[in-house]
Every structure is written in C-alpha cells, then in structure tokens.
C-alpha cells in the first residue's frame, strides 16, 4: 500500500479546506493520514493456522482412505500442512478484506485509537492557546477515522456530532474518493465549531500547519 496516495493537487485541496474552515473559527484542524495503524503480524499466523488446520484435516481423511488405494503417509501430510500454512500467510497479506477479518474488529479499533493518540501528541494538537485543536485521523487499511478534540472543543461538541464527520470520510474512502471525503469533513468541522460558539478571535493566528500529515 502506498504511503502517500495523494497527488499535489489533492494536498493543495485539503490545505485550502483547512484554511477555509479555520477562517470561521478559532479551532485548529489537523488532518492526518496513515496507510495502516499497525503491521498486524497476528493476521499472518492466524491465516497460516487456519489454512494449515484445514489442510491437516483433509490430509487425515486422505491418509485414512489411502490405506487401500493411495500411498499417502506422514511425510506427505506434513508437506501439505506446511504448504497450506505458507499459502495462508500469502493470502492474509494479499487479500485486504480477509486480512481485516483475521485481525478482528476489537484489535483494529484498539490499534487505530492508539495510533491516533500518538499522532495527537506528536503533532502537539494540545498546544493551541485556547485548547481548540482537532485531529482528524484516517487509517486507510482499516477504513477507520478517529476525531480527537482538545479540552476546549470536547467541552462543547458531542460525540454524536463527531460521528457524523467520521461517516463522511469513511464513505469517501469506500467510494474511492478519499480526498473528497476529507475536504467535506474538514468543511463540516468548521461549520460545527461555528455553531458551538468556537468563534474566531480578532488576534487569532494560525497556530498549526494546514497541511495533511502523512504518517
């Protein structure tokens, strides 16, 4: 998976969307993209074990039947099981929906939230004057989005409202229009903050970069 699937035109659109949204509010919006939040090596061995178990059961059946009509023994059984294990690893790495299935929803949610929290700290989203920073974190492989608001934002915006922002981006990813989804979500963030009175101050400055971060 490419680390940076965005063209320069995409990056410019996203940065412009951030500037436009922040022109209406004192909020600082930080869009952040990663191709995936973890290596998920657990999927490799799970994929291998699943296929190896199927192969072993099939081998036992064939071995039982072969006593009368095939010279299928322990050596052949071991070779088949090993080949199935390796094939399971290959499938887990090449079939994205299958890999997500092998990882499991709970593990994916945990890893994405951990990675988003690290991004929040690394980008110092908490360092704005009025604690009005917002991280919009997209983890592409998992098709997961996390919106983390600092204290000055979370005191005013409900989680259900952030969920709407999340759905906009996820829908964009599923339709192959990731940039469109991000741009619309950023615009909606600006509107949402304006509705909740996170107004732009006369001496407001651009405290955080408007560009999309690529993790």
C-alpha atoms as a PDB file:
ATOM      1  CA  UNK A   1       0.000   0.000   0.000  1.00  0.00           C
ATOM      2  CA  UNK A   2       1.429   3.369  -0.955  1.00  0.00           C
ATOM      3  CA  UNK A   3       2.470   5.566   1.967  1.00  0.00           C
ATOM      4  CA  UNK A   4       1.258   8.692   0.149  1.00  0.00           C
ATOM      5  CA  UNK A   5      -1.596   8.127  -2.311  1.00  0.00           C
ATOM      6  CA  UNK A   6      -2.334  11.857  -2.583  1.00  0.00           C
ATOM      7  CA  UNK A   7      -1.341  13.975  -5.563  1.00  0.00           C
ATOM      8  CA  UNK A   8      -0.090  17.515  -5.079  1.00  0.00           C
ATOM      9  CA  UNK A   9      -3.496  18.749  -6.229  1.00  0.00           C
ATOM     10  CA  UNK A  10      -5.122  16.628  -3.505  1.00  0.00           C
ATOM     11  CA  UNK A  11      -2.787  18.028  -0.859  1.00  0.00           C
ATOM     12  CA  UNK A  12      -3.495  21.586  -2.011  1.00  0.00           C
ATOM     13  CA  UNK A  13      -7.268  20.995  -1.843  1.00  0.00           C
ATOM     14  CA  UNK A  14      -7.022  19.626   1.689  1.00  0.00           C
ATOM     15  CA  UNK A  15      -4.834  22.511   2.890  1.00  0.00           C
ATOM     16  CA  UNK A  16      -7.216  25.035   1.335  1.00  0.00           C
ATOM     17  CA  UNK A  17     -10.178  23.320   3.021  1.00  0.00           C
ATOM     18  CA  UNK A  18      -8.410  23.643   6.392  1.00  0.00           C
ATOM     19  CA  UNK A  19      -7.695  27.346   5.779  1.00  0.00           C
ATOM     20  CA  UNK A  20     -11.303  27.997   4.780  1.00  0.00           C
ATOM     21  CA  UNK A  21     -12.689  26.134   7.809  1.00  0.00           C
ATOM     22  CA  UNK A  22     -10.339  27.888  10.215  1.00  0.00           C
ATOM     23  CA  UNK A  23     -11.292  31.309   8.816  1.00  0.00           C
ATOM     24  CA  UNK A  24     -14.628  30.896  10.619  1.00  0.00           C
ATOM     25  CA  UNK A  25     -13.387  29.641  13.977  1.00  0.00           C
ATOM     26  CA  UNK A  26     -10.533  29.683  16.466  1.00  0.00           C
ATOM     27  CA  UNK A  27     -10.330  25.921  16.117  1.00  0.00           C
ATOM     28  CA  UNK A  28      -7.156  24.412  14.643  1.00  0.00           C
ATOM     29  CA  UNK A  29      -7.824  21.423  12.380  1.00  0.00           C
ATOM     30  CA  UNK A  30      -5.072  18.849  11.846  1.00  0.00           C
ATOM     31  CA  UNK A  31      -5.786  16.196   9.161  1.00  0.00           C
ATOM     32  CA  UNK A  32      -3.584  13.119   9.477  1.00  0.00           C
ATOM     33  CA  UNK A  33      -3.301  10.062   7.216  1.00  0.00           C
ATOM     34  CA  UNK A  34      -1.612   6.682   7.687  1.00  0.00           C
ATOM     35  CA  UNK A  35      -1.773   3.723   5.325  1.00  0.00           C
ATOM     36  CA  UNK A  36      -2.347   1.475   8.363  1.00  0.00           C
ATOM     37  CA  UNK A  37      -2.042   1.802  12.117  1.00  0.00           C
ATOM     38  CA  UNK A  38      -0.152  -1.430  12.736  1.00  0.00           C
ATOM     39  CA  UNK A  39       1.693  -4.191  10.869  1.00  0.00           C
ATOM     40  CA  UNK A  40      -0.851  -6.735  12.180  1.00  0.00           C
ATOM     41  CA  UNK A  41       1.533  -9.693  12.136  1.00  0.00           C
ATOM     42  CA  UNK A  42      -1.174 -11.541  14.064  1.00  0.00           C
ATOM     43  CA  UNK A  43      -3.050 -11.843  10.748  1.00  0.00           C
ATOM     44  CA  UNK A  44      -0.159 -13.762   9.187  1.00  0.00           C
ATOM     45  CA  UNK A  45      -0.042 -16.554  11.721  1.00  0.00           C
ATOM     46  CA  UNK A  46      -3.836 -16.685  12.004  1.00  0.00           C
ATOM     47  CA  UNK A  47      -4.129 -17.006   8.233  1.00  0.00           C
ATOM     48  CA  UNK A  48      -1.450 -19.692   8.219  1.00  0.00           C
ATOM     49  CA  UNK A  49      -3.002 -21.648  11.079  1.00  0.00           C
ATOM     50  CA  UNK A  50      -6.497 -21.556   9.570  1.00  0.00           C
ATOM     51  CA  UNK A  51      -5.369 -22.959   6.215  1.00  0.00           C
ATOM     52  CA  UNK A  52      -2.951 -25.399   7.848  1.00  0.00           C
ATOM     53  CA  UNK A  53      -5.742 -26.776  10.044  1.00  0.00           C
ATOM     54  CA  UNK A  54      -7.983 -27.283   7.015  1.00  0.00           C
ATOM     55  CA  UNK A  55      -5.147 -28.983   5.147  1.00  0.00           C
ATOM     56  CA  UNK A  56      -4.360 -31.225   8.114  1.00  0.00           C
ATOM     57  CA  UNK A  57      -7.952 -32.369   8.447  1.00  0.00           C
ATOM     58  CA  UNK A  58      -8.090 -33.055   4.730  1.00  0.00           C
ATOM     59  CA  UNK A  59      -4.790 -34.926   4.952  1.00  0.00           C
ATOM     60  CA  UNK A  60      -6.047 -37.112   7.801  1.00  0.00           C
ATOM     61  CA  UNK A  61      -9.087 -38.006   5.728  1.00  0.00           C
ATOM     62  CA  UNK A  62      -6.979 -38.793   2.664  1.00  0.00           C
ATOM     63  CA  UNK A  63      -4.495 -40.770   4.780  1.00  0.00           C
ATOM     64  CA  UNK A  64      -7.339 -42.863   6.199  1.00  0.00           C
ATOM     65  CA  UNK A  65      -8.723 -43.541   2.734  1.00  0.00           C
ATOM     66  CA  UNK A  66      -5.304 -44.113   1.158  1.00  0.00           C
ATOM     67  CA  UNK A  67      -4.615 -47.256   3.176  1.00  0.00           C
ATOM     68  CA  UNK A  68      -6.412 -49.132   0.479  1.00  0.00           C
ATOM     69  CA  UNK A  69      -5.742 -47.049  -2.640  1.00  0.00           C
ATOM     70  CA  UNK A  70      -3.042 -44.361  -2.191  1.00  0.00           C
ATOM     71  CA  UNK A  71       0.486 -44.261  -0.706  1.00  0.00           C
ATOM     72  CA  UNK A  72      -0.272 -41.110   1.349  1.00  0.00           C
ATOM     73  CA  UNK A  73       1.706 -41.021   4.565  1.00  0.00           C
ATOM     74  CA  UNK A  74       3.013 -38.788   7.343  1.00  0.00           C
ATOM     75  CA  UNK A  75       5.653 -37.131   5.148  1.00  0.00           C
ATOM     76  CA  UNK A  76       3.087 -36.105   2.536  1.00  0.00           C
ATOM     77  CA  UNK A  77       0.745 -34.928   5.289  1.00  0.00           C
ATOM     78  CA  UNK A  78       3.440 -32.707   6.809  1.00  0.00           C
ATOM     79  CA  UNK A  79       4.371 -31.231   3.443  1.00  0.00           C
ATOM     80  CA  UNK A  80       0.766 -30.425   2.608  1.00  0.00           C
ATOM     81  CA  UNK A  81       0.200 -28.784   6.002  1.00  0.00           C
ATOM     82  CA  UNK A  82       3.342 -26.644   5.693  1.00  0.00           C
ATOM     83  CA  UNK A  83       2.433 -25.564   2.161  1.00  0.00           C
ATOM     84  CA  UNK A  84      -1.062 -24.633   3.357  1.00  0.00           C
ATOM     85  CA  UNK A  85       0.398 -22.595   6.231  1.00  0.00           C
ATOM     86  CA  UNK A  86       2.600 -20.600   3.836  1.00  0.00           C
ATOM     87  CA  UNK A  87      -0.299 -20.107   1.442  1.00  0.00           C
ATOM     88  CA  UNK A  88      -2.408 -18.823   4.336  1.00  0.00           C
ATOM     89  CA  UNK A  89       0.229 -16.172   5.074  1.00  0.00           C
ATOM     90  CA  UNK A  90       0.318 -15.129   1.402  1.00  0.00           C
ATOM     91  CA  UNK A  91      -3.470 -14.797   1.328  1.00  0.00           C
ATOM     92  CA  UNK A  92      -3.523 -12.763   4.526  1.00  0.00           C
ATOM     93  CA  UNK A  93      -1.067 -10.294   3.000  1.00  0.00           C
ATOM     94  CA  UNK A  94      -2.660 -10.019  -0.420  1.00  0.00           C
ATOM     95  CA  UNK A  95      -6.419 -10.013   0.256  1.00  0.00           C
ATOM     96  CA  UNK A  96      -7.211  -6.875   2.250  1.00  0.00           C
ATOM     97  CA  UNK A  97     -10.781  -7.719   3.423  1.00  0.00           C
ATOM     98  CA  UNK A  98      -9.558 -11.173   4.528  1.00  0.00           C
ATOM     99  CA  UNK A  99      -6.673  -9.588   6.463  1.00  0.00           C
ATOM    100  CA  UNK A 100      -9.068  -7.234   8.248  1.00  0.00           C
ATOM    101  CA  UNK A 101     -11.236 -10.248   9.118  1.00  0.00           C
ATOM    102  CA  UNK A 102      -8.243 -12.127  10.523  1.00  0.00           C
ATOM    103  CA  UNK A 103      -7.174  -9.183  12.656  1.00  0.00           C
ATOM    104  CA  UNK A 104     -10.657  -8.679  14.125  1.00  0.00           C
ATOM    105  CA  UNK A 105     -12.668  -5.556  14.929  1.00  0.00           C
ATOM    106  CA  UNK A 106     -11.519  -5.227  18.545  1.00  0.00           C
ATOM    107  CA  UNK A 107      -7.824  -5.305  17.668  1.00  0.00           C
ATOM    108  CA  UNK A 108      -8.317  -2.882  14.778  1.00  0.00           C
ATOM    109  CA  UNK A 109     -10.224  -0.398  16.960  1.00  0.00           C
ATOM    110  CA  UNK A 110      -7.567  -0.593  19.672  1.00  0.00           C
ATOM    111  CA  UNK A 111      -4.604  -0.106  17.293  1.00  0.00           C
ATOM    112  CA  UNK A 112      -6.237   2.773  15.405  1.00  0.00           C
ATOM    113  CA  UNK A 113      -7.111   4.639  18.605  1.00  0.00           C
ATOM    114  CA  UNK A 114      -3.597   4.095  19.958  1.00  0.00           C
ATOM    115  CA  UNK A 115      -2.055   5.402  16.731  1.00  0.00           C
ATOM    116  CA  UNK A 116      -4.415   8.405  16.699  1.00  0.00           C
ATOM    117  CA  UNK A 117      -3.458   9.251  20.282  1.00  0.00           C
ATOM    118  CA  UNK A 118       0.237   9.140  19.353  1.00  0.00           C
ATOM    119  CA  UNK A 119      -0.432  11.424  16.380  1.00  0.00           C
ATOM    120  CA  UNK A 120      -2.301  13.870  18.641  1.00  0.00           C
ATOM    121  CA  UNK A 121       0.772  14.123  20.863  1.00  0.00           C
ATOM    122  CA  UNK A 122       3.343  14.125  18.057  1.00  0.00           C
ATOM    123  CA  UNK A 123       1.616  16.972  16.220  1.00  0.00           C
ATOM    124  CA  UNK A 124       1.124  18.873  19.505  1.00  0.00           C
ATOM    125  CA  UNK A 125      -2.568  19.396  18.814  1.00  0.00           C
ATOM    126  CA  UNK A 126      -2.901  20.230  22.524  1.00  0.00           C
ATOM    127  CA  UNK A 127      -0.668  23.310  22.246  1.00  0.00           C
ATOM    128  CA  UNK A 128      -3.195  25.859  20.948  1.00  0.00           C
ATOM    129  CA  UNK A 129      -3.907  28.947  23.039  1.00  0.00           C
ATOM    130  CA  UNK A 130      -7.495  28.034  23.914  1.00  0.00           C
ATOM    131  CA  UNK A 131      -7.129  24.248  23.664  1.00  0.00           C
ATOM    132  CA  UNK A 132      -9.183  24.197  20.471  1.00  0.00           C
ATOM    133  CA  UNK A 133      -7.130  21.762  18.401  1.00  0.00           C
ATOM    134  CA  UNK A 134      -8.809  18.932  16.469  1.00  0.00           C
ATOM    135  CA  UNK A 135      -7.111  15.878  14.995  1.00  0.00           C
ATOM    136  CA  UNK A 136      -8.873  14.172  12.080  1.00  0.00           C
ATOM    137  CA  UNK A 137      -7.076  10.836  11.855  1.00  0.00           C
ATOM    138  CA  UNK A 138      -7.626   8.484   8.906  1.00  0.00           C
ATOM    139  CA  UNK A 139      -6.176   4.976   8.911  1.00  0.00           C
ATOM    140  CA  UNK A 140      -6.722   3.718   5.369  1.00  0.00           C
ATOM    141  CA  UNK A 141      -6.276  -0.073   5.594  1.00  0.00           C
ATOM    142  CA  UNK A 142      -8.750  -0.308   8.460  1.00  0.00           C
ATOM    143  CA  UNK A 143     -11.158   2.232   6.919  1.00  0.00           C
ATOM    144  CA  UNK A 144     -11.281   3.844  10.323  1.00  0.00           C
ATOM    145  CA  UNK A 145     -11.413   7.505  11.264  1.00  0.00           C
ATOM    146  CA  UNK A 146     -10.851   8.972  14.715  1.00  0.00           C
ATOM    147  CA  UNK A 147     -11.614  12.594  15.577  1.00  0.00           C
ATOM    148  CA  UNK A 148      -9.864  13.799  18.720  1.00  0.00           C
ATOM    149  CA  UNK A 149     -10.707  17.234  20.068  1.00  0.00           C
ATOM    150  CA  UNK A 150      -8.762  19.047  22.766  1.00  0.00           C
ATOM    151  CA  UNK A 151     -10.387  20.140  26.030  1.00  0.00           C
ATOM    152  CA  UNK A 152     -11.742  23.430  24.675  1.00  0.00           C
ATOM    153  CA  UNK A 153     -13.553  21.557  21.883  1.00  0.00           C
ATOM    154  CA  UNK A 154     -14.778  18.470  23.735  1.00  0.00           C
ATOM    155  CA  UNK A 155     -16.499  20.669  26.298  1.00  0.00           C
ATOM    156  CA  UNK A 156     -18.858  21.881  23.559  1.00  0.00           C
ATOM    157  CA  UNK A 157     -19.138  19.206  20.860  1.00  0.00           C
ATOM    158  CA  UNK A 158     -20.954  15.911  21.406  1.00  0.00           C
ATOM    159  CA  UNK A 159     -19.535  12.568  20.276  1.00  0.00           C
ATOM    160  CA  UNK A 160     -22.542  12.011  18.025  1.00  0.00           C
ATOM    161  CA  UNK A 161     -21.559  15.127  16.089  1.00  0.00           C
ATOM    162  CA  UNK A 162     -18.028  13.827  15.598  1.00  0.00           C
ATOM    163  CA  UNK A 163     -19.539  10.538  14.407  1.00  0.00           C
ATOM    164  CA  UNK A 164     -21.138  12.418  11.517  1.00  0.00           C
ATOM    165  CA  UNK A 165     -17.712  13.749  10.494  1.00  0.00           C
ATOM    166  CA  UNK A 166     -16.317  10.222  10.697  1.00  0.00           C
ATOM    167  CA  UNK A 167     -19.019   8.809   8.415  1.00  0.00           C
ATOM    168  CA  UNK A 168     -18.343  11.433   5.748  1.00  0.00           C
ATOM    169  CA  UNK A 169     -14.693  10.375   5.482  1.00  0.00           C
ATOM    170  CA  UNK A 170     -15.364   6.632   5.673  1.00  0.00           C
ATOM    171  CA  UNK A 171     -17.971   6.917   2.915  1.00  0.00           C
ATOM    172  CA  UNK A 172     -15.445   8.793   0.790  1.00  0.00           C
ATOM    173  CA  UNK A 173     -12.832   6.067   1.288  1.00  0.00           C
ATOM    174  CA  UNK A 174     -15.304   3.319   0.366  1.00  0.00           C
ATOM    175  CA  UNK A 175     -16.237   5.171  -2.837  1.00  0.00           C
ATOM    176  CA  UNK A 176     -12.588   5.701  -3.779  1.00  0.00           C
ATOM    177  CA  UNK A 177     -12.895   9.440  -3.126  1.00  0.00           C
ATOM    178  CA  UNK A 178     -10.730   9.854  -0.051  1.00  0.00           C
ATOM    179  CA  UNK A 179      -9.746  13.455  -0.774  1.00  0.00           C
ATOM    180  CA  UNK A 180     -13.366  14.478  -1.389  1.00  0.00           C
ATOM    181  CA  UNK A 181     -14.359  12.906   1.920  1.00  0.00           C
ATOM    182  CA  UNK A 182     -11.603  14.682   3.821  1.00  0.00           C
ATOM    183  CA  UNK A 183     -12.374  18.048   2.231  1.00  0.00           C
ATOM    184  CA  UNK A 184     -16.083  17.779   3.045  1.00  0.00           C
ATOM    185  CA  UNK A 185     -15.390  16.609   6.604  1.00  0.00           C
ATOM    186  CA  UNK A 186     -12.985  19.489   7.238  1.00  0.00           C
ATOM    187  CA  UNK A 187     -15.570  21.948   5.957  1.00  0.00           C
ATOM    188  CA  UNK A 188     -18.205  20.396   8.231  1.00  0.00           C
ATOM    189  CA  UNK A 189     -15.811  20.725  11.177  1.00  0.00           C
ATOM    190  CA  UNK A 190     -15.611  24.471  10.561  1.00  0.00           C
ATOM    191  CA  UNK A 191     -19.398  24.741  10.433  1.00  0.00           C
ATOM    192  CA  UNK A 192     -19.800  22.612  13.553  1.00  0.00           C
ATOM    193  CA  UNK A 193     -17.369  24.695  15.594  1.00  0.00           C
ATOM    194  CA  UNK A 194     -19.082  27.890  14.459  1.00  0.00           C
ATOM    195  CA  UNK A 195     -22.432  26.512  15.616  1.00  0.00           C
ATOM    196  CA  UNK A 196     -20.997  25.789  19.056  1.00  0.00           C
ATOM    197  CA  UNK A 197     -19.534  29.254  19.542  1.00  0.00           C
ATOM    198  CA  UNK A 198     -15.887  28.410  18.970  1.00  0.00           C
ATOM    199  CA  UNK A 199     -15.535  31.807  17.324  1.00  0.00           C
ATOM    200  CA  UNK A 200     -12.514  33.308  15.649  1.00  0.00           C
ATOM    201  CA  UNK A 201     -10.801  35.962  17.767  1.00  0.00           C
ATOM    202  CA  UNK A 202      -9.572  39.293  16.406  1.00  0.00           C
ATOM    203  CA  UNK A 203      -5.993  38.381  17.252  1.00  0.00           C
ATOM    204  CA  UNK A 204      -6.369  34.785  16.103  1.00  0.00           C
ATOM    205  CA  UNK A 205      -3.286  33.285  14.453  1.00  0.00           C
ATOM    206  CA  UNK A 206      -2.706  30.079  12.521  1.00  0.00           C
ATOM    207  CA  UNK A 207      -1.087  28.048  15.292  1.00  0.00           C
ATOM    208  CA  UNK A 208      -0.803  24.701  13.476  1.00  0.00           C
ATOM    209  CA  UNK A 209       0.056  23.909   9.863  1.00  0.00           C
ATOM    210  CA  UNK A 210      -2.861  23.497   7.446  1.00  0.00           C
ATOM    211  CA  UNK A 211      -1.242  20.659   5.502  1.00  0.00           C
ATOM    212  CA  UNK A 212      -2.211  16.996   5.573  1.00  0.00           C
ATOM    213  CA  UNK A 213       0.223  14.996   7.671  1.00  0.00           C
ATOM    214  CA  UNK A 214       1.334  11.682   6.207  1.00  0.00           C
ATOM    215  CA  UNK A 215       2.271   9.217   8.945  1.00  0.00           C
END
